Protein backbone atom coordinates (compact mmCIF):
# COMPACT_ATOMS: atom_id res chain seq x y z
CA MET A 1 62.48 97.32 91.97
CA ALA A 2 63.59 99.67 94.92
CA ASN A 3 67.14 99.64 95.91
CA PRO A 4 67.93 97.19 98.89
CA ARG A 5 67.13 98.77 102.29
CA VAL A 6 70.24 99.96 104.56
CA THR A 7 70.36 101.06 107.95
CA VAL A 8 73.40 103.22 108.74
CA LEU A 9 74.35 102.17 112.57
CA ILE A 10 76.44 104.97 114.31
CA LEU A 11 77.51 103.93 117.77
CA SER A 12 78.24 106.82 120.21
CA TYR A 13 79.41 107.07 124.01
CA ASN A 14 79.53 110.55 125.05
CA GLY A 15 80.24 111.80 121.51
CA LYS A 16 77.61 114.26 121.10
CA HIS A 17 80.18 116.67 119.88
CA LEU A 18 81.29 114.30 117.16
CA LEU A 19 77.77 113.33 115.76
CA ASP A 20 76.75 116.47 113.67
CA GLU A 21 79.38 115.95 110.85
CA ALA A 22 78.73 112.09 110.79
CA ILE A 23 74.96 112.42 110.46
CA THR A 24 75.03 115.22 107.88
CA SER A 25 77.39 113.49 105.64
CA TYR A 26 75.58 110.20 105.74
CA ASN A 27 72.13 112.23 105.29
CA VAL A 28 73.21 113.52 101.92
CA ASN A 29 74.31 110.27 100.45
CA ASP A 30 72.92 109.79 96.69
CA TYR A 31 71.12 106.64 97.87
CA ASP A 32 67.43 106.44 98.00
CA ASN A 33 66.55 103.81 100.45
CA PHE A 34 68.37 104.17 103.78
CA GLU A 35 67.96 105.45 107.37
CA ILE A 36 70.29 106.45 109.89
CA ALA A 37 69.97 104.97 113.64
CA VAL A 38 72.10 106.29 116.38
CA ILE A 39 72.98 104.13 119.52
CA ASP A 40 73.42 106.00 122.60
CA ASN A 41 75.66 103.49 124.36
CA GLY A 42 74.74 104.78 127.88
CA SER A 43 76.06 108.37 127.36
CA SER A 44 75.81 111.22 129.97
CA ASP A 45 76.29 114.04 127.64
CA GLY A 46 73.00 114.71 126.39
CA THR A 47 73.03 112.71 123.24
CA MET A 48 69.60 111.85 123.12
CA GLU A 49 68.19 115.37 123.73
CA HIS A 50 70.55 116.54 121.09
CA LEU A 51 69.34 114.11 118.57
CA LYS A 52 65.72 114.68 119.40
CA THR A 53 66.26 118.38 119.13
CA PHE A 54 68.29 118.69 116.07
CA TYR A 55 67.85 115.20 114.03
CA PRO A 56 64.22 114.27 114.56
CA ASP A 57 64.45 112.15 111.24
CA VAL A 58 67.17 110.11 112.82
CA THR A 59 66.25 107.09 114.95
CA ALA A 60 67.83 107.22 118.33
CA LEU A 61 68.49 104.04 120.17
CA ARG A 62 69.10 104.47 123.99
CA LEU A 63 70.93 102.00 126.15
CA GLU A 64 70.77 102.94 129.72
CA LYS A 65 74.05 101.13 130.43
CA ASN A 66 77.08 101.09 128.12
CA ARG A 67 77.21 97.60 126.68
CA GLY A 68 80.69 98.22 125.12
CA TYR A 69 81.51 98.34 121.63
CA SER A 70 80.03 94.77 120.51
CA GLY A 71 77.12 94.88 122.94
CA GLY A 72 76.21 98.46 121.45
CA PHE A 73 76.24 97.49 117.96
CA ASN A 74 74.52 94.08 118.67
CA TYR A 75 71.72 96.15 120.02
CA GLY A 76 71.49 98.25 116.78
CA LEU A 77 71.88 95.32 114.52
CA GLU A 78 69.00 93.60 116.35
CA TYR A 79 66.98 96.77 115.63
CA ALA A 80 68.01 96.97 111.81
CA PHE A 81 67.75 93.43 110.94
CA GLY A 82 65.07 92.32 113.54
CA ILE A 83 62.75 95.17 113.63
CA LYS A 84 63.28 97.18 110.41
CA LYS A 85 64.10 94.14 108.41
CA SER A 86 66.81 95.77 106.56
CA ASP A 87 68.63 93.92 103.82
CA TYR A 88 71.99 95.68 104.91
CA VAL A 89 73.56 97.43 107.66
CA LEU A 90 76.39 99.93 107.42
CA VAL A 91 78.34 99.63 110.84
CA THR A 92 80.10 102.83 111.21
CA ASN A 93 81.54 105.33 113.92
CA ASN A 94 80.47 108.77 115.17
CA ASP A 95 84.00 110.28 114.23
CA VAL A 96 83.60 110.16 110.44
CA LYS A 97 82.67 112.02 107.40
CA ALA A 98 81.20 110.00 104.62
CA ASP A 99 81.44 110.49 100.95
CA SER A 100 78.12 110.97 99.15
CA SER A 101 78.50 107.98 97.01
CA SER A 102 79.76 105.61 99.97
CA ILE A 103 76.23 103.73 100.68
CA LYS A 104 75.49 103.27 97.01
CA GLU A 105 79.02 101.89 96.02
CA LEU A 106 79.17 99.44 99.13
CA VAL A 107 75.75 98.06 98.09
CA LYS A 108 76.71 97.70 94.33
CA VAL A 109 79.72 95.32 95.41
CA ALA A 110 77.38 93.34 98.17
CA GLU A 111 74.86 92.98 95.59
CA SER A 112 77.14 91.56 92.82
CA ASP A 113 77.64 88.45 94.88
CA THR A 114 75.73 86.73 97.76
CA ARG A 115 78.98 85.47 99.21
CA ASN A 116 80.14 89.15 99.62
CA GLY A 117 79.16 89.51 103.37
CA PHE A 118 81.12 92.32 104.42
CA VAL A 119 82.16 95.26 102.11
CA THR A 120 84.43 98.17 103.23
CA GLY A 121 86.12 101.15 101.31
CA LYS A 122 88.63 103.87 101.50
CA VAL A 123 89.14 105.04 105.09
CA LEU A 124 91.32 108.07 105.14
CA PHE A 125 92.67 110.42 107.77
CA TYR A 126 90.27 113.22 108.49
CA GLU A 127 93.14 115.55 109.13
CA ARG A 128 95.05 114.60 105.95
CA LYS A 129 92.31 114.08 103.57
CA ASN A 130 94.42 112.07 100.90
CA VAL A 131 96.22 109.87 103.19
CA PHE A 132 94.99 106.34 104.03
CA GLN A 133 94.10 104.91 107.34
CA THR A 134 93.35 101.60 105.99
CA VAL A 135 91.87 99.85 102.75
CA GLY A 136 91.43 96.52 104.37
CA LEU A 137 93.69 94.47 106.52
CA SER A 138 96.51 92.15 105.30
CA TYR A 139 97.22 88.37 105.88
CA ASP A 140 99.98 87.29 108.17
CA PRO A 141 101.17 83.76 108.66
CA VAL A 142 101.46 83.77 112.30
CA ARG A 143 99.18 86.35 113.72
CA ILE A 144 96.62 85.79 110.82
CA ASN A 145 95.39 89.47 110.92
CA GLY A 146 98.51 90.94 109.39
CA GLY A 147 97.50 94.94 110.00
CA HIS A 148 96.26 97.64 107.89
CA ILE A 149 96.92 98.05 104.09
CA GLY A 150 97.89 101.47 103.16
CA TRP A 151 98.46 103.17 106.63
CA GLY A 152 99.96 106.55 105.97
CA GLU A 153 100.38 106.35 102.17
CA GLU A 154 99.03 108.84 100.09
CA ASP A 155 96.21 108.10 97.81
CA THR A 156 97.62 108.09 94.25
CA GLY A 157 95.29 105.44 92.72
CA GLN A 158 97.23 102.36 94.00
CA TYR A 159 94.37 100.75 95.64
CA ASP A 160 91.68 101.65 93.08
CA GLU A 161 90.35 98.14 92.23
CA VAL A 162 87.43 96.16 93.78
CA THR A 163 89.24 93.22 95.33
CA GLU A 164 88.80 90.68 98.11
CA ARG A 165 90.44 91.38 101.48
CA HIS A 166 91.48 88.76 104.39
CA PHE A 167 89.94 91.05 106.98
CA ALA A 168 88.72 94.85 107.23
CA ASP A 169 88.23 97.28 109.95
CA ASP A 170 84.77 97.86 111.00
CA VAL A 171 84.81 101.69 111.25
CA PHE A 172 83.22 101.38 107.80
CA MET A 173 81.42 98.09 106.99
CA LEU A 174 78.40 97.09 105.21
CA VAL A 175 76.92 93.78 106.44
CA SER A 176 74.42 91.65 104.62
CA ARG A 177 71.32 90.35 106.37
CA LYS A 178 72.11 86.61 105.17
CA LEU A 179 75.57 86.86 106.99
CA TYR A 180 74.08 88.24 110.05
CA GLU A 181 71.26 85.35 110.37
CA GLU A 182 74.05 82.69 109.98
CA THR A 183 76.65 84.16 112.18
CA GLY A 184 74.48 86.12 115.04
CA GLY A 185 76.52 89.36 114.79
CA TYR A 186 79.35 90.43 117.28
CA ASP A 187 80.63 88.10 120.14
CA GLU A 188 80.14 90.30 123.32
CA GLU A 189 83.06 88.59 124.94
CA PHE A 190 84.92 91.30 122.87
CA VAL A 191 84.03 94.40 124.67
CA LEU A 192 86.61 96.39 122.61
CA GLN A 193 89.24 95.48 120.16
CA ALA A 194 89.32 92.31 117.67
CA GLU A 195 85.47 92.34 117.82
CA GLN A 196 85.46 92.47 114.00
CA PHE A 197 88.23 90.05 113.66
CA ASP A 198 86.38 87.39 115.46
CA TRP A 199 83.16 87.98 113.46
CA GLN A 200 85.08 88.02 110.05
CA PHE A 201 86.82 84.92 111.06
CA ARG A 202 83.50 83.15 111.76
CA ALA A 203 81.95 84.60 108.53
CA LYS A 204 84.90 83.40 106.40
CA ASN A 205 84.67 79.96 108.09
CA ASN A 206 80.88 80.17 106.80
CA GLY A 207 82.23 80.84 103.26
CA TYR A 208 81.59 84.55 103.13
CA ARG A 209 84.10 86.92 101.59
CA ILE A 210 85.31 90.38 102.69
CA MET A 211 85.32 92.90 99.76
CA TYR A 212 86.75 96.36 99.13
CA THR A 213 85.74 98.90 96.86
CA PRO A 214 87.65 102.14 96.16
CA TYR A 215 84.64 103.99 94.96
CA ALA A 216 83.26 104.26 98.81
CA LYS A 217 85.02 106.35 101.20
CA ILE A 218 85.11 107.99 104.56
CA TRP A 219 87.39 110.34 106.49
CA HIS A 220 87.98 109.24 110.08
CA LYS A 221 89.26 111.15 113.05
CA ASP A 222 90.72 108.09 114.60
CA SER A 223 90.30 106.73 118.24
CA MET A 224 88.28 109.75 119.48
CA THR A 225 86.61 107.51 121.70
CA ILE A 226 89.09 105.47 123.75
CA GLY A 227 92.53 107.06 122.47
CA ARG A 228 95.20 105.35 120.79
CA ASN A 229 97.45 104.89 123.78
CA SER A 230 94.96 104.40 126.53
CA PRO A 231 95.36 101.85 129.16
CA SER A 232 92.02 100.33 128.31
CA LYS A 233 92.98 99.85 124.48
CA SER A 234 96.22 98.29 125.49
CA TYR A 235 94.50 95.75 127.89
CA TYR A 236 92.11 94.46 125.07
CA ASP A 237 95.05 94.51 122.52
CA ALA A 238 96.90 92.02 124.77
CA ARG A 239 93.79 89.99 125.27
CA ASN A 240 91.23 89.87 122.46
CA PRO A 241 93.33 88.77 119.46
CA MET A 242 94.68 85.93 121.34
CA ILE A 243 91.20 84.63 122.30
CA VAL A 244 90.10 84.70 118.66
CA LEU A 245 93.03 82.59 117.52
CA MET A 246 92.32 80.27 120.52
CA LYS A 247 88.95 79.59 118.98
CA ASN A 248 90.01 79.33 115.43
CA LEU A 249 93.59 77.79 115.22
CA LYS A 250 94.92 74.50 115.84
CA PRO A 251 97.20 74.02 118.77
CA CYS A 252 100.56 73.89 116.58
CA ALA A 253 99.53 77.16 114.73
CA PHE A 254 98.62 78.73 118.03
CA ARG A 255 101.82 77.86 119.68
CA LYS A 256 103.67 79.81 116.93
CA TYR A 257 101.32 82.80 117.65
CA PHE A 258 101.52 82.70 121.29
CA TRP A 259 105.39 82.89 121.64
CA LEU A 260 105.53 85.70 119.30
CA HIS A 261 102.66 87.57 121.06
CA LEU A 262 104.40 87.11 124.45
CA ARG A 263 107.85 88.22 123.22
CA LYS A 264 106.78 91.23 120.95
CA ASP A 265 103.42 92.35 122.10
CA ILE A 266 103.46 91.62 125.91
CA ILE A 267 107.14 91.90 127.22
CA ARG A 268 108.61 94.27 124.72
CA SER A 269 105.61 96.45 124.61
CA SER A 270 105.59 96.67 128.31
CA LEU A 271 109.01 97.36 128.63
CA VAL A 272 108.77 100.27 126.01
CA ASN A 273 106.03 101.68 128.07
CA LEU A 274 107.97 101.47 131.35
CA LYS A 275 110.68 103.40 129.81
CA ASN A 276 108.35 105.93 128.61
CA SER A 277 106.84 106.14 132.16
CA ARG A 278 103.59 104.64 131.25
CA VAL A 279 103.46 102.29 134.14
CA ASP A 280 99.64 102.20 133.78
CA ILE A 281 99.72 100.96 130.32
CA SER A 282 102.39 98.23 131.20
CA ILE A 283 100.25 96.95 133.77
CA LYS A 284 97.22 96.79 131.63
CA ILE A 285 99.03 94.76 128.87
CA TRP A 286 99.99 92.21 131.56
CA GLU A 287 96.39 92.07 133.03
CA GLY A 288 95.00 91.69 129.45
CA PHE A 289 97.40 88.88 128.60
CA VAL A 290 96.67 86.91 131.90
CA SER A 291 92.85 87.50 131.37
CA GLY A 292 93.14 86.04 127.82
CA LEU A 293 94.92 82.93 129.34
CA LEU A 294 92.43 82.54 131.88
CA TRP A 295 89.64 82.79 129.44
CA GLY A 296 91.26 80.00 127.44
CA ILE A 297 91.61 77.64 130.56
CA ASN A 298 87.94 78.36 131.82
CA ASN A 299 86.68 77.67 128.26
CA LYS A 300 88.62 74.58 127.82
CA LYS A 301 90.55 76.28 124.63
CA LEU A 302 93.89 75.50 125.87
CA THR A 303 95.98 72.40 126.33
CA ILE A 304 99.78 71.73 126.90
CA LYS A 305 99.96 71.38 123.00
CA HIS A 306 99.12 75.11 122.66
CA PHE A 307 102.46 75.88 124.33
CA ILE A 308 104.83 73.03 123.74
């Protein structure tokens, strides 16, 4: 029997200069049943022309208007699962270099159990080849998403077992058709940030597992599109995780999160940015926080029990 069909989805917004290494590295994977599809998310840098000229075998999907991270990937997921009938989609970024065994190893774990709806691997810093960015996300009793496992650690074999994770970064995430058909992909409420947190939360509620394999790996250039300290990222970091937890937590559990989020992520972070003369970021933090609260009120997700 042929190996399961995989579509490698690469989202790009004005990232023509990043695409060459990502496409080339996935192209030489030692897996015999995959295609690469690049979603040009409303770029103005000639991405489509670049793809047609240098990568005629790569599927180029053009969105005339930027639909955000979630909307862009949903367009690609509809193509891969709906039109091409792929068995799996590998959600990945344009600012990565993939190991030659990455697709094969992700599929191997996914195929071992139908409950393995998401599979990720080692994500290492591009500039520091043997240092981890993430090998999955941990659990936090209040925030639920506890942050990256392995961040900044040298790879000495400490994460060399296939295991289940609570959550995972979607910079490198294999998704099964079955999971997609049951959960419907990303919620486009999350334009940027926390989109995978929401999708994975829904999948876990449906009985799926998030798996990690050490035998698949990429090197990631990290925040090349929006920047690690951008006002846009600060806005959505303040807003979106709060909305995910409004949707999924009981009022008593959300209440614990809310006051921690307000104290540490909003008040303290905005004061630190003011001290560092980043007034723009401080403003965006508060705007994101207020936007999240308004979303909860408008969607009837908040009651007095969520605060007191």
